Protein backbone atom coordinates (compact mmCIF):
# COMPACT_ATOMS: atom_id res chain seq x y z
CA UNK A 1 10.57 -131.90 79.90
CA UNK A 2 11.95 -131.81 83.42
CA UNK A 3 14.74 -129.38 84.21
CA UNK A 4 18.07 -130.92 85.07
CA UNK A 5 20.10 -129.73 88.04
CA UNK A 6 22.32 -126.73 87.32
CA UNK A 7 25.95 -126.77 88.49
CA UNK A 8 26.06 -125.74 92.13
CA UNK A 9 22.27 -125.81 92.34
CA UNK A 10 21.86 -122.23 91.05
CA UNK A 11 19.11 -121.01 88.72
CA UNK A 12 20.51 -120.15 85.29
CA UNK A 13 19.25 -118.37 82.17
CA UNK A 14 20.96 -117.19 78.98
CA UNK A 15 21.03 -114.01 76.88
CA UNK A 16 22.08 -114.32 73.22
CA UNK A 17 22.78 -111.00 71.46
CA UNK A 18 21.85 -111.44 67.79
CA UNK A 19 21.43 -107.88 66.59
CA UNK A 20 24.58 -107.49 64.51
CA UNK A 21 24.41 -106.22 60.94
CA UNK A 22 27.10 -108.57 59.59
CA UNK A 23 29.04 -105.84 57.82
CA UNK A 24 32.31 -107.81 57.85
CA UNK A 25 30.58 -110.84 56.37
CA UNK A 26 29.31 -108.92 53.36
CA UNK A 27 25.95 -109.50 51.69
CA UNK A 28 22.48 -108.32 52.63
CA UNK A 29 21.68 -111.04 55.21
CA UNK A 30 23.06 -110.56 58.74
CA UNK A 31 25.40 -113.44 59.56
CA UNK A 32 23.22 -114.80 62.38
CA UNK A 33 20.47 -115.47 59.84
CA UNK A 34 22.70 -116.97 57.13
CA UNK A 35 21.91 -120.60 56.37
CA UNK A 36 24.38 -123.34 57.26
CA UNK A 37 23.26 -126.74 55.99
CA UNK A 38 19.90 -125.12 55.26
CA UNK A 39 19.43 -123.84 58.81
CA UNK A 40 20.00 -120.28 60.15
CA UNK A 41 23.16 -119.90 62.23
CA UNK A 42 21.25 -118.44 65.19
CA UNK A 43 19.18 -121.64 65.39
CA UNK A 44 22.33 -123.68 66.10
CA UNK A 45 23.33 -121.35 68.93
CA UNK A 46 19.83 -121.45 70.43
CA UNK A 47 19.75 -125.22 70.18
CA UNK A 48 23.16 -125.48 71.87
CA UNK A 49 21.69 -123.68 74.90
CA UNK A 50 18.37 -125.50 74.63
CA UNK A 51 20.09 -128.89 74.90
CA UNK A 52 21.30 -127.91 78.38
CA UNK A 53 18.31 -128.86 80.51
CA UNK A 54 19.25 -126.67 83.49
CA UNK A 55 19.05 -123.40 81.54
CA UNK A 56 15.59 -122.05 82.38
CA UNK A 57 15.10 -119.27 79.82
CA UNK A 58 16.89 -118.28 76.62
CA UNK A 59 16.55 -114.63 75.61
CA UNK A 60 17.48 -113.81 72.00
CA UNK A 61 18.03 -110.11 71.32
CA UNK A 62 17.53 -109.02 67.70
CA UNK A 63 17.15 -105.74 65.84
CA UNK A 64 13.56 -104.50 65.41
CA UNK A 65 13.41 -105.40 61.70
CA UNK A 66 14.35 -109.03 62.44
CA UNK A 67 11.94 -109.79 65.28
CA UNK A 68 9.40 -111.53 63.04
CA UNK A 69 12.20 -113.46 61.27
CA UNK A 70 13.43 -114.74 64.63
CA UNK A 71 9.93 -115.71 65.74
CA UNK A 72 9.49 -117.66 62.49
CA UNK A 73 12.77 -119.52 63.12
CA UNK A 74 11.65 -120.43 66.65
CA UNK A 75 8.36 -121.81 65.35
CA UNK A 76 9.87 -123.65 62.37
CA UNK A 77 12.56 -125.46 64.38
CA UNK A 78 10.47 -126.05 67.49
CA UNK A 79 12.68 -124.06 69.88
CA UNK A 80 11.44 -124.00 73.46
CA UNK A 81 12.01 -121.65 76.43
CA UNK A 82 12.94 -118.81 74.05
CA UNK A 83 11.93 -115.15 74.41
CA UNK A 84 12.64 -112.64 71.63
CA UNK A 85 13.60 -109.12 72.71
CA UNK A 86 14.19 -105.98 70.67
CA UNK A 87 17.82 -104.96 70.68
CA UNK A 88 19.54 -101.59 70.91
CA UNK A 89 21.84 -99.84 68.46
CA UNK A 90 25.01 -101.36 69.97
CA UNK A 91 26.04 -104.71 71.41
CA UNK A 92 26.03 -103.51 75.03
CA UNK A 93 22.65 -101.81 74.67
CA UNK A 94 21.25 -105.05 73.22
CA UNK A 95 22.60 -107.16 76.08
CA UNK A 96 21.20 -104.63 78.58
CA UNK A 97 17.77 -105.00 76.92
CA UNK A 98 18.08 -108.77 77.23
CA UNK A 99 18.78 -108.47 80.96
CA UNK A 100 15.86 -106.12 81.52
CA UNK A 101 13.27 -108.85 80.82
CA UNK A 102 14.35 -110.45 84.11
CA UNK A 103 14.23 -107.25 86.15
CA UNK A 104 11.87 -104.62 84.77
CA UNK A 105 8.09 -104.93 84.54
CA UNK A 106 6.65 -103.67 81.30
CA UNK A 107 9.83 -104.09 79.26
CA UNK A 108 8.42 -107.16 77.50
CA UNK A 109 5.05 -108.91 77.39
CA UNK A 110 5.90 -110.83 80.56
CA UNK A 111 8.59 -110.69 83.24
CA UNK A 112 10.84 -113.74 83.33
CA UNK A 113 12.02 -115.28 86.60
CA UNK A 114 15.30 -113.62 87.57
CA UNK A 115 18.14 -116.18 87.60
CA UNK A 116 20.99 -116.27 90.08
CA UNK A 117 23.46 -116.65 87.20
CA UNK A 118 23.05 -115.40 83.64
CA UNK A 119 25.03 -116.67 80.66
CA UNK A 120 25.91 -114.31 77.81
CA UNK A 121 26.74 -116.03 74.54
CA UNK A 122 26.97 -114.80 70.95
CA UNK A 123 24.33 -116.02 68.53
CA UNK A 124 27.09 -116.45 65.93
CA UNK A 125 29.04 -118.98 68.00
CA UNK A 126 27.19 -122.20 67.12
CA UNK A 127 29.62 -124.71 68.67
CA UNK A 128 29.47 -124.63 72.45
CA UNK A 129 29.28 -127.71 74.65
CA UNK A 130 27.69 -128.13 78.06
CA UNK A 131 31.07 -128.74 79.71
CA UNK A 132 32.46 -125.22 79.09
CA UNK A 133 29.08 -123.61 79.89
CA UNK A 134 29.01 -125.50 83.19
CA UNK A 135 32.56 -124.39 84.02
CA UNK A 136 31.87 -120.68 83.48
CA UNK A 137 28.60 -120.91 85.44
CA UNK A 138 30.34 -122.57 88.40
CA UNK A 139 33.14 -119.99 88.27
CA UNK A 140 30.63 -117.12 88.08
CA UNK A 141 28.82 -118.44 91.13
CA UNK A 142 32.10 -118.39 93.07
CA UNK A 143 33.74 -115.24 91.68
CA UNK A 144 30.78 -113.15 90.45
CA UNK A 145 31.89 -113.27 86.81
CA UNK A 146 33.68 -115.69 84.48
CA UNK A 147 34.51 -116.03 80.81
CA UNK A 148 36.09 -118.40 78.34
CA UNK A 149 39.49 -117.47 76.94
CA UNK A 150 41.78 -118.78 74.22
CA UNK A 151 45.47 -118.21 73.40
CA UNK A 152 46.16 -115.34 71.01
CA UNK A 153 46.85 -116.53 67.48
CA UNK A 154 48.50 -113.33 66.28
CA UNK A 155 50.69 -110.74 68.02
CA UNK A 156 48.83 -107.52 68.92
CA UNK A 157 50.56 -104.26 67.92
CA UNK A 158 49.79 -100.57 68.40
CA UNK A 159 50.43 -97.97 65.74
CA UNK A 160 51.55 -94.40 66.30
CA UNK A 161 49.75 -91.34 64.89
CA UNK A 162 51.97 -91.43 61.79
CA UNK A 163 50.93 -95.02 61.02
CA UNK A 164 54.22 -96.54 62.10
CA UNK A 165 54.69 -99.21 64.76
CA UNK A 166 54.54 -97.83 68.29
CA UNK A 167 54.84 -101.04 70.33
CA UNK A 168 53.74 -104.67 70.47
CA UNK A 169 52.34 -106.80 73.27
CA UNK A 170 54.05 -109.91 74.56
CA UNK A 171 51.66 -112.54 73.23
CA UNK A 172 52.33 -115.08 76.00
CA UNK A 173 50.95 -112.66 78.63
CA UNK A 174 47.62 -112.04 76.89
CA UNK A 175 44.55 -114.07 75.96
CA UNK A 176 41.64 -113.66 73.57
CA UNK A 177 38.31 -113.17 75.34
CA UNK A 178 35.71 -115.58 73.98
CA UNK A 179 32.17 -116.66 74.81
CA UNK A 180 30.35 -117.99 76.78
CA UNK A 181 30.60 -115.68 79.76
CA UNK A 182 28.54 -115.91 82.95
CA UNK A 183 27.74 -113.53 85.80
CA UNK A 184 25.84 -113.35 89.00
CA UNK A 185 22.77 -111.59 87.63
CA UNK A 186 22.84 -108.80 90.22
CA UNK A 187 26.48 -108.03 89.38
CA UNK A 188 26.13 -107.64 85.62
CA UNK A 189 22.75 -105.91 85.85
CA UNK A 190 24.14 -103.34 88.30
CA UNK A 191 27.14 -102.81 86.02
CA UNK A 192 24.87 -102.04 83.07
CA UNK A 193 22.72 -99.72 85.16
CA UNK A 194 25.82 -97.70 86.10
CA UNK A 195 27.28 -97.68 82.60
CA UNK A 196 28.10 -94.40 80.88
CA UNK A 197 26.71 -93.78 77.41
CA UNK A 198 30.26 -94.04 76.11
CA UNK A 199 30.60 -97.58 77.49
CA UNK A 200 27.22 -98.59 76.11
CA UNK A 201 28.01 -97.20 72.67
CA UNK A 202 31.67 -98.14 72.24
CA UNK A 203 32.44 -100.96 74.67
CA UNK A 204 32.43 -104.65 73.72
CA UNK A 205 33.65 -106.53 76.80
CA UNK A 206 31.09 -107.52 79.47
CA UNK A 207 33.80 -108.76 81.87
CA UNK A 208 35.32 -105.28 81.82
CA UNK A 209 32.00 -103.70 82.87
CA UNK A 210 31.74 -106.05 85.87
CA UNK A 211 35.28 -105.08 86.90
CA UNK A 212 34.88 -101.34 86.27
CA UNK A 213 31.52 -100.80 87.94
CA UNK A 214 31.23 -103.64 90.48
CA UNK A 215 34.90 -104.34 91.28
CA UNK A 216 34.31 -107.96 90.28
CA UNK A 217 37.42 -109.75 89.01
CA UNK A 218 36.27 -112.37 86.53
CA UNK A 219 37.63 -115.91 86.64
CA UNK A 220 39.13 -116.80 83.26
CA UNK A 221 38.38 -120.31 82.03
CA UNK A 222 40.42 -121.97 79.27
CA UNK A 223 38.07 -122.69 76.39
CA UNK A 224 38.17 -125.20 73.55
CA UNK A 225 39.07 -124.50 69.94
CA UNK A 226 35.44 -124.70 68.78
CA UNK A 227 34.38 -121.47 70.54
CA UNK A 228 35.21 -119.25 67.55
CA UNK A 229 32.59 -116.97 66.08
CA UNK A 230 31.38 -116.65 62.51
CA UNK A 231 32.69 -113.28 61.33
CA UNK A 232 33.60 -113.59 57.66
CA UNK A 233 32.04 -115.47 54.77
CA UNK A 234 34.78 -118.12 54.89
CA UNK A 235 33.68 -118.88 58.46
CA UNK A 236 30.29 -120.02 57.15
CA UNK A 237 32.02 -122.64 55.00
CA UNK A 238 34.14 -123.71 57.97
CA UNK A 239 31.01 -124.04 60.14
CA UNK A 240 29.33 -126.16 57.48
CA UNK A 241 32.39 -128.40 57.26
CA UNK A 242 32.44 -128.92 61.05
CA UNK A 243 28.74 -129.79 61.09
CA UNK A 244 29.15 -132.33 58.29
CA UNK A 245 32.17 -133.82 60.03
CA UNK A 246 30.29 -134.13 63.33
CA UNK A 247 27.36 -135.82 61.62
CA UNK A 248 29.53 -138.57 60.17
CA UNK A 249 31.58 -139.47 63.24
CA UNK A 250 29.34 -142.14 64.76
CA UNK A 251 26.92 -144.85 63.65
CA UNK A 252 24.72 -147.14 65.71
CA UNK A 253 24.12 -150.65 64.31
CA UNK A 254 20.93 -152.20 65.69
CA UNK A 255 20.04 -155.87 65.31
CA UNK A 256 17.52 -158.14 66.97
CA UNK A 257 18.64 -160.83 69.40
CA UNK A 258 18.41 -163.56 66.74
CA UNK A 259 21.70 -165.41 66.36
CA UNK A 260 22.18 -164.83 62.61
CA UNK A 261 21.25 -161.16 62.79
CA UNK A 262 23.44 -160.64 65.84
CA UNK A 263 26.32 -162.22 63.89
CA UNK A 264 25.84 -159.71 61.06
CA UNK A 265 25.49 -157.02 63.68
CA UNK A 266 29.00 -157.97 64.79
CA UNK A 267 30.58 -158.27 61.32
CA UNK A 268 29.27 -154.89 60.10
CA UNK A 269 30.83 -152.87 62.94
CA UNK A 270 34.09 -154.79 62.51
CA UNK A 271 34.30 -153.61 58.90
CA UNK A 272 33.29 -150.04 59.76
CA UNK A 273 35.27 -149.34 62.92
CA UNK A 274 38.46 -148.32 61.12
CA UNK A 275 36.55 -145.46 59.49
CA UNK A 276 33.97 -144.37 62.05
CA UNK A 277 32.98 -144.76 65.70
CA UNK A 278 30.51 -147.65 65.91
CA UNK A 279 28.02 -148.66 68.59
CA UNK A 280 26.54 -152.13 68.03
CA UNK A 281 23.55 -153.31 70.06
CA UNK A 282 21.10 -156.20 69.89
CA UNK A 283 17.71 -155.08 71.15
CA UNK A 284 14.01 -155.37 70.53
CA UNK A 285 12.84 -151.98 69.25
CA UNK A 286 9.42 -152.63 70.72
CA UNK A 287 10.98 -152.31 74.19
CA UNK A 288 12.21 -149.08 75.73
CA UNK A 289 15.90 -150.01 75.79
CA UNK A 290 17.97 -147.75 78.05
CA UNK A 291 21.24 -148.39 76.15
CA UNK A 292 19.65 -147.25 72.90
CA UNK A 293 18.15 -144.22 74.66
CA UNK A 294 21.62 -143.27 75.90
CA UNK A 295 23.08 -143.53 72.40
CA UNK A 296 20.34 -141.29 71.01
CA UNK A 297 20.73 -138.72 73.78
CA UNK A 298 24.46 -138.74 73.04
CA UNK A 299 23.70 -137.05 69.73
CA UNK A 300 24.13 -139.96 67.31
CA UNK A 301 22.77 -139.13 63.86
CA UNK A 302 23.34 -142.35 61.89
CA UNK A 303 21.55 -145.65 62.45
CA UNK A 304 21.63 -149.01 60.65
CA UNK A 305 18.81 -151.41 61.50
CA UNK A 306 19.34 -155.03 60.42
CA UNK A 307 16.27 -157.29 60.24
CA UNK A 308 15.11 -160.43 58.48
CA UNK A 309 11.54 -159.34 57.81
CA UNK A 310 10.26 -158.34 54.44
CA UNK A 311 8.73 -155.14 55.77
CA UNK A 312 9.83 -154.18 59.28
CA UNK A 313 8.08 -150.83 59.35
CA UNK A 314 6.32 -151.36 62.66
CA UNK A 315 9.57 -152.04 64.51
CA UNK A 316 11.35 -149.19 62.74
CA UNK A 317 8.54 -146.82 63.65
CA UNK A 318 9.50 -147.38 67.29
CA UNK A 319 12.98 -146.03 66.55
CA UNK A 320 11.59 -143.08 64.57
CA UNK A 321 9.32 -142.24 67.52
CA UNK A 322 12.27 -142.41 69.92
CA UNK A 323 14.30 -140.10 67.69
CA UNK A 324 11.43 -137.65 67.37
CA UNK A 325 10.91 -137.55 71.14
CA UNK A 326 14.61 -136.85 71.62
CA UNK A 327 14.31 -133.72 69.40
CA UNK A 328 17.75 -134.33 67.82
CA UNK A 329 16.25 -134.29 64.27
CA UNK A 330 15.35 -130.65 64.93
CA UNK A 331 19.04 -129.75 64.76
CA UNK A 332 20.43 -132.00 62.01
CA UNK A 333 19.03 -134.65 59.68
CA UNK A 334 19.16 -138.21 61.00
CA UNK A 335 20.12 -141.00 58.57
CA UNK A 336 18.35 -144.32 59.10
CA UNK A 337 19.37 -147.27 56.89
CA UNK A 338 17.07 -150.30 56.95
CA UNK A 339 18.94 -153.48 56.00
CA UNK A 340 16.67 -156.40 55.14
CA UNK A 341 18.68 -159.61 55.43
CA UNK A 342 17.36 -162.50 53.37
CA UNK A 343 18.60 -165.67 55.07
CA UNK A 344 16.23 -168.10 53.34
CA UNK A 345 17.46 -170.98 51.18
CA UNK A 346 15.21 -169.80 48.37
CA UNK A 347 17.29 -168.25 45.60
CA UNK A 348 14.47 -165.96 44.52
CA UNK A 349 15.07 -162.54 45.98
CA UNK A 350 12.28 -160.05 45.64
CA UNK A 351 10.04 -157.76 47.58
CA UNK A 352 6.33 -157.33 46.91
CA UNK A 353 4.97 -154.16 45.35
CA UNK A 354 2.69 -153.66 48.36
CA UNK A 355 5.66 -153.80 50.75
CA UNK A 356 7.67 -151.47 48.53
CA UNK A 357 4.83 -148.94 48.47
CA UNK A 358 4.57 -149.09 52.28
CA UNK A 359 8.31 -148.52 52.68
CA UNK A 360 8.24 -145.53 50.32
CA UNK A 361 5.31 -144.01 52.18
CA UNK A 362 7.08 -144.57 55.50
CA UNK A 363 10.22 -142.86 54.14
CA UNK A 364 8.21 -139.85 52.93
CA UNK A 365 6.53 -139.42 56.31
CA UNK A 366 9.85 -139.78 58.15
CA UNK A 367 11.49 -137.17 55.92
CA UNK A 368 8.98 -134.60 57.16
CA UNK A 369 10.51 -135.18 60.61
CA UNK A 370 14.05 -134.67 59.23
CA UNK A 371 14.74 -138.42 59.38
CA UNK A 372 16.10 -139.74 56.08
CA UNK A 373 15.22 -143.40 55.57
CA UNK A 374 17.07 -145.63 53.09
CA UNK A 375 16.62 -149.34 52.36
CA UNK A 376 19.00 -152.19 51.48
CA UNK A 377 18.15 -155.75 50.50
CA UNK A 378 20.97 -158.26 51.17
CA UNK A 379 21.00 -161.98 50.52
CA UNK A 380 23.07 -163.63 53.25
CA UNK A 381 24.27 -167.23 53.03
C-alpha cells in the first residue's frame, strides 16, 4: 500500500531488538517467541509498527538460532517491510547490528535506505500506539533523540558493601525509561560507532549513549500505561487479558436500508450500548461505503450483519473481502455474526439444507482467514 506521511515529513524506520534469552521469564522458549492468544509476542510488536504506514522498514534483530523461527513467523502472519538481522551477544550489540543494515554494505543481503529518524522499540512491548510513536519521532527530529518515560512505581535504593541500605532516591525526581525511543539516525549510529566495549557489553540505555558520545540531550516524552514490557511469566497472562479486553470493546451492527431491518439495527445497539461501544450503520455491502471502511480501519473486531434473506452469503462476502484487504484479521480473530431476520407472516421457520450447507462452507473458508462466522435465525413480528 501507499506510505502515509511521517510526522514532520521525515523518513522513518524501526529497529526491534528481539535477541533476549528470557531468563527471568523461565522456561525454554525466549519470551519474544512465547504465544499469546496463539500468536508469538514478537508478532504483535511487529504488527504495531507495521500498522503505522509512514514507517518504511522494520528491522527485527534476533539471535542466530532463532533467525529461521522469525522468518517463519513473518511468512505465517503476512508481515511486510520486515528484515531479519542476526543479533549480537548483548542488547547494545544487537541494536548496533540492526542499525548497520542502513549504513554498511555487505552486512546483510541488501542495504536498506537510510532513514532520517530511526525508532528503537523492544519486541516484548506489544502495546504501542501510533500517537506515542509519532510524539517521540517529532521530538527526535527537533532534539536529536527522544524517549518515552513513565513515573517510577517503586522507590530506588542503593545498598552498601555490607548489604545494608546506603541511600535512596527521591522518587518524584526520577522517571522510568521506557520504549519507544527515536533518534536522528546519524546521531545514534555515530554514538554506537564510538562506543567502548564496556558500553556495548554492559550498557542498556540508548539515550545515554547519545548523550555520552554525541552530547545530545534527549527529549523525554510522557508515555501511557500500556508501554510496559513482558518480563515475567505473569506478564504473559496480563498481555493476554489486555488483548481479550481490547477485542471485546466495540461492535459494529450493519443493516440494509430497509425500514424493518434499520429498525432492528437501532434496537440492537440500544440494548448493547450499556455493555459495549456500538457503531450502527445502514449500508449496502455491495457498495464501497466509506463509513464502514473507517470503522474497519479503526480496528473493530466484532460485526453483526442483520438481513432478511435466507442465505445472504454474497453480500457477506463483500464484508469478508473488505476485512481481508484491511489485514486486521492477521493480528486478531474477527467475529462476524450473521443474523437472518424472518419477517414473513408464515409461522413456519426453517432453512433449507442446501442453504445450510452453503453457510457452513462459507464459515469454513472464512475461518482460514481468521474470520469466525456465526449464524442466528430470528423470527421478528
